[in-house]
């Protein structure tokens, strides 16, 4: 009886790990930041939505105060530097990203951005750096990127949307292997020193 219970439990865990999870992320800043995440499982039978920012059902505030910026000091920068400089950490991150690619299927990725600086020359330089990357992304059939320069004023607005399917069984192994690798453990020790 106990063996049958463990067998049923193993089948349930296997079904959970091999059933894909669909993630849909939409973000935008026009002029305030909005974020929406939808997580679906069992082909939409079980789903949950998370929102951040103004929703259409809530009225916008007429008066806003400027956001407060916290100063983290140089400690976090030196900590990040020690993590990145630890032996074998960056190759481990690259290896992790390559292995995670097998478990992640990007179905759609769209980005629209309007950017401009006070100086039109800065806007031109900024977009000259970004346009080659947009051409690379446009080569994929699921990606669409539109960049609009604004040479008249300093602005940054964007809308982004992506739909991704994740298979947990293909993600857990590489993530655990990366987390327990000697390079990651060295990086953790280096960040605490």
Protein backbone atom coordinates (compact mmCIF):
# COMPACT_ATOMS: atom_id res chain seq x y z
CA UNK A 1 0.00 0.00 0.00
CA UNK A 2 2.84 2.37 0.86
CA UNK A 3 4.58 1.60 -2.45
CA UNK A 4 1.38 2.40 -4.35
CA UNK A 5 1.06 5.76 -2.52
CA UNK A 6 4.67 6.66 -3.43
CA UNK A 7 4.03 5.60 -7.03
CA UNK A 8 0.94 7.83 -7.25
CA UNK A 9 2.88 10.71 -5.66
CA UNK A 10 5.74 10.22 -8.15
CA UNK A 11 3.29 10.28 -11.08
CA UNK A 12 1.69 13.50 -9.79
CA UNK A 13 5.09 15.19 -9.32
CA UNK A 14 6.19 14.06 -12.78
CA UNK A 15 2.97 15.40 -14.32
CA UNK A 16 3.49 18.76 -12.59
CA UNK A 17 7.11 19.01 -13.74
CA UNK A 18 6.42 18.04 -17.36
CA UNK A 19 3.32 20.22 -17.81
CA UNK A 20 4.34 23.53 -19.42
CA UNK A 21 3.71 26.87 -17.74
CA UNK A 22 2.70 29.78 -19.96
CA UNK A 23 3.93 33.23 -18.94
CA UNK A 24 2.61 36.40 -20.51
CA UNK A 25 4.33 39.65 -19.54
CA UNK A 26 3.21 43.10 -20.63
CA UNK A 27 4.99 46.26 -19.51
CA UNK A 28 4.88 49.88 -20.50
CA UNK A 29 5.83 53.38 -19.54
CA UNK A 30 3.54 56.01 -21.09
CA UNK A 31 4.25 58.15 -18.95
CA UNK A 32 3.97 55.97 -15.84
CA UNK A 33 5.21 52.41 -15.43
CA UNK A 34 2.69 49.58 -15.78
CA UNK A 35 3.35 45.87 -15.43
CA UNK A 36 1.10 42.86 -15.96
CA UNK A 37 2.10 39.21 -15.57
CA UNK A 38 -0.16 36.26 -16.29
CA UNK A 39 0.86 32.75 -15.28
CA UNK A 40 -1.17 29.89 -16.81
CA UNK A 41 -0.91 26.19 -16.21
CA UNK A 42 -2.76 23.24 -17.75
CA UNK A 43 -3.35 25.23 -20.96
CA UNK A 44 -5.12 28.08 -19.16
CA UNK A 45 -7.25 25.98 -16.82
CA UNK A 46 -5.35 27.39 -13.83
CA UNK A 47 -4.17 30.99 -14.15
CA UNK A 48 -3.21 33.96 -12.01
CA UNK A 49 -2.66 37.60 -12.98
CA UNK A 50 -0.43 40.11 -11.24
CA UNK A 51 -0.64 43.87 -11.87
CA UNK A 52 1.52 46.82 -10.95
CA UNK A 53 0.86 50.40 -11.90
CA UNK A 54 -2.34 52.18 -12.85
CA UNK A 55 -5.26 50.08 -14.05
CA UNK A 56 -8.07 51.41 -16.20
CA UNK A 57 -10.57 50.77 -13.38
CA UNK A 58 -8.72 53.09 -10.97
CA UNK A 59 -8.68 56.83 -11.59
CA UNK A 60 -5.30 58.46 -12.08
CA UNK A 61 -3.98 60.67 -9.33
CA UNK A 62 -3.97 64.34 -10.27
CA UNK A 63 -0.92 65.25 -8.25
CA UNK A 64 2.15 63.06 -7.91
CA UNK A 65 5.27 63.53 -5.88
CA UNK A 66 8.66 62.80 -7.40
CA UNK A 67 9.96 59.32 -6.65
CA UNK A 68 12.45 59.00 -3.84
CA UNK A 69 15.77 57.51 -4.84
CA UNK A 70 17.59 55.47 -2.24
CA UNK A 71 21.36 55.63 -2.22
CA UNK A 72 22.87 52.20 -1.81
CA UNK A 73 26.41 53.49 -1.63
CA UNK A 74 29.47 51.75 -2.99
CA UNK A 75 28.95 48.53 -1.02
CA UNK A 76 26.54 46.97 -3.51
CA UNK A 77 28.79 47.86 -6.45
CA UNK A 78 31.84 46.29 -4.82
CA UNK A 79 29.76 43.23 -3.91
CA UNK A 80 28.59 42.86 -7.52
CA UNK A 81 32.15 43.32 -8.76
CA UNK A 82 33.44 40.60 -6.42
CA UNK A 83 30.72 38.19 -7.61
CA UNK A 84 31.43 38.81 -11.29
CA UNK A 85 35.21 38.58 -10.82
CA UNK A 86 35.08 35.29 -8.91
CA UNK A 87 36.71 32.42 -10.76
CA UNK A 88 34.44 30.57 -13.19
CA UNK A 89 31.25 32.50 -12.39
CA UNK A 90 30.65 34.19 -15.77
CA UNK A 91 31.29 31.01 -17.79
CA UNK A 92 28.87 29.28 -15.42
CA UNK A 93 26.20 31.92 -16.11
CA UNK A 94 26.69 31.50 -19.87
CA UNK A 95 26.45 27.72 -19.50
CA UNK A 96 23.27 28.12 -17.43
CA UNK A 97 21.64 30.35 -20.06
CA UNK A 98 22.47 27.86 -22.82
CA UNK A 99 20.98 24.99 -20.82
CA UNK A 100 17.87 26.96 -19.89
CA UNK A 101 17.22 27.62 -23.57
CA UNK A 102 16.01 24.01 -23.94
CA UNK A 103 13.21 24.58 -21.43
CA UNK A 104 12.06 28.03 -22.58
CA UNK A 105 10.09 28.64 -25.78
CA UNK A 106 9.59 32.32 -26.67
CA UNK A 107 6.37 32.45 -28.64
CA UNK A 108 6.11 36.20 -29.08
CA UNK A 109 8.24 39.20 -28.16
CA UNK A 110 7.29 42.74 -29.10
CA UNK A 111 8.90 46.06 -28.15
CA UNK A 112 8.02 49.59 -29.13
CA UNK A 113 10.13 52.41 -27.73
CA UNK A 114 10.32 56.15 -28.24
CA UNK A 115 13.53 57.68 -26.94
CA UNK A 116 15.15 61.05 -27.07
CA UNK A 117 17.70 63.16 -25.23
CA UNK A 118 18.05 66.93 -24.82
CA UNK A 119 20.81 66.94 -27.41
CA UNK A 120 19.80 65.46 -30.81
CA UNK A 121 23.37 64.21 -31.29
CA UNK A 122 23.08 62.08 -28.13
CA UNK A 123 19.82 60.65 -29.43
CA UNK A 124 21.51 59.74 -32.70
CA UNK A 125 24.46 58.07 -30.94
CA UNK A 126 22.16 56.13 -28.61
CA UNK A 127 20.03 54.80 -31.44
CA UNK A 128 23.10 54.06 -33.57
CA UNK A 129 24.20 51.70 -30.81
CA UNK A 130 20.76 50.05 -30.48
CA UNK A 131 19.78 49.61 -34.15
CA UNK A 132 22.19 46.71 -34.88
CA UNK A 133 20.69 44.79 -31.94
CA UNK A 134 17.17 45.42 -33.21
CA UNK A 135 18.14 44.06 -36.62
CA UNK A 136 19.49 40.93 -34.94
CA UNK A 137 16.25 40.50 -32.97
CA UNK A 138 14.10 41.13 -36.06
CA UNK A 139 15.71 38.10 -37.73
CA UNK A 140 13.70 35.88 -35.38
CA UNK A 141 10.17 35.13 -36.56
CA UNK A 142 8.65 35.72 -33.12
CA UNK A 143 10.31 39.11 -32.37
CA UNK A 144 9.19 42.56 -33.44
CA UNK A 145 11.09 45.68 -32.38
CA UNK A 146 10.28 49.28 -33.26
CA UNK A 147 12.45 52.20 -32.13
CA UNK A 148 11.30 55.76 -32.72
CA UNK A 149 13.78 58.56 -32.19
CA UNK A 150 12.60 61.87 -30.76
CA UNK A 151 15.09 64.60 -31.58
CA UNK A 152 12.98 67.41 -30.08
CA UNK A 153 12.70 66.52 -26.38
CA UNK A 154 14.00 64.23 -23.67
CA UNK A 155 11.57 61.29 -23.49
CA UNK A 156 11.54 57.58 -22.88
CA UNK A 157 8.32 55.67 -23.45
CA UNK A 158 8.00 51.98 -24.20
CA UNK A 159 5.53 49.12 -24.55
CA UNK A 160 6.67 45.52 -24.39
CA UNK A 161 4.88 42.19 -24.51
CA UNK A 162 6.19 38.65 -24.47
CA UNK A 163 4.63 35.21 -24.32
CA UNK A 164 6.85 32.40 -23.08
CA UNK A 165 6.27 28.70 -22.42
CA UNK A 166 8.42 27.13 -19.71
CA UNK A 167 8.79 23.40 -19.04
CA UNK A 168 9.82 23.11 -15.35
CA UNK A 169 11.48 19.69 -15.75
CA UNK A 170 13.96 21.20 -18.21
CA UNK A 171 14.70 24.20 -15.97
CA UNK A 172 15.17 22.62 -12.54
CA UNK A 173 18.22 20.49 -13.36
CA UNK A 174 20.38 23.27 -14.86
CA UNK A 175 19.28 25.75 -12.16
CA UNK A 176 20.19 23.39 -9.30
CA UNK A 177 23.48 22.44 -10.99
CA UNK A 178 24.37 26.14 -11.32
CA UNK A 179 23.34 26.97 -7.75
CA UNK A 180 25.44 24.15 -6.29
CA UNK A 181 28.45 24.55 -8.59
CA UNK A 182 31.79 25.42 -6.98
CA UNK A 183 31.98 28.67 -8.99
CA UNK A 184 28.61 29.88 -7.64
CA UNK A 185 29.52 28.92 -4.08
CA UNK A 186 32.83 30.83 -4.47
CA UNK A 187 30.88 33.85 -5.75
CA UNK A 188 28.56 33.71 -2.74
CA UNK A 189 31.53 33.52 -0.37
CA UNK A 190 33.21 36.41 -2.19
CA UNK A 191 30.09 38.57 -1.87
CA UNK A 192 29.94 38.03 1.89
CA UNK A 193 33.61 38.87 2.45
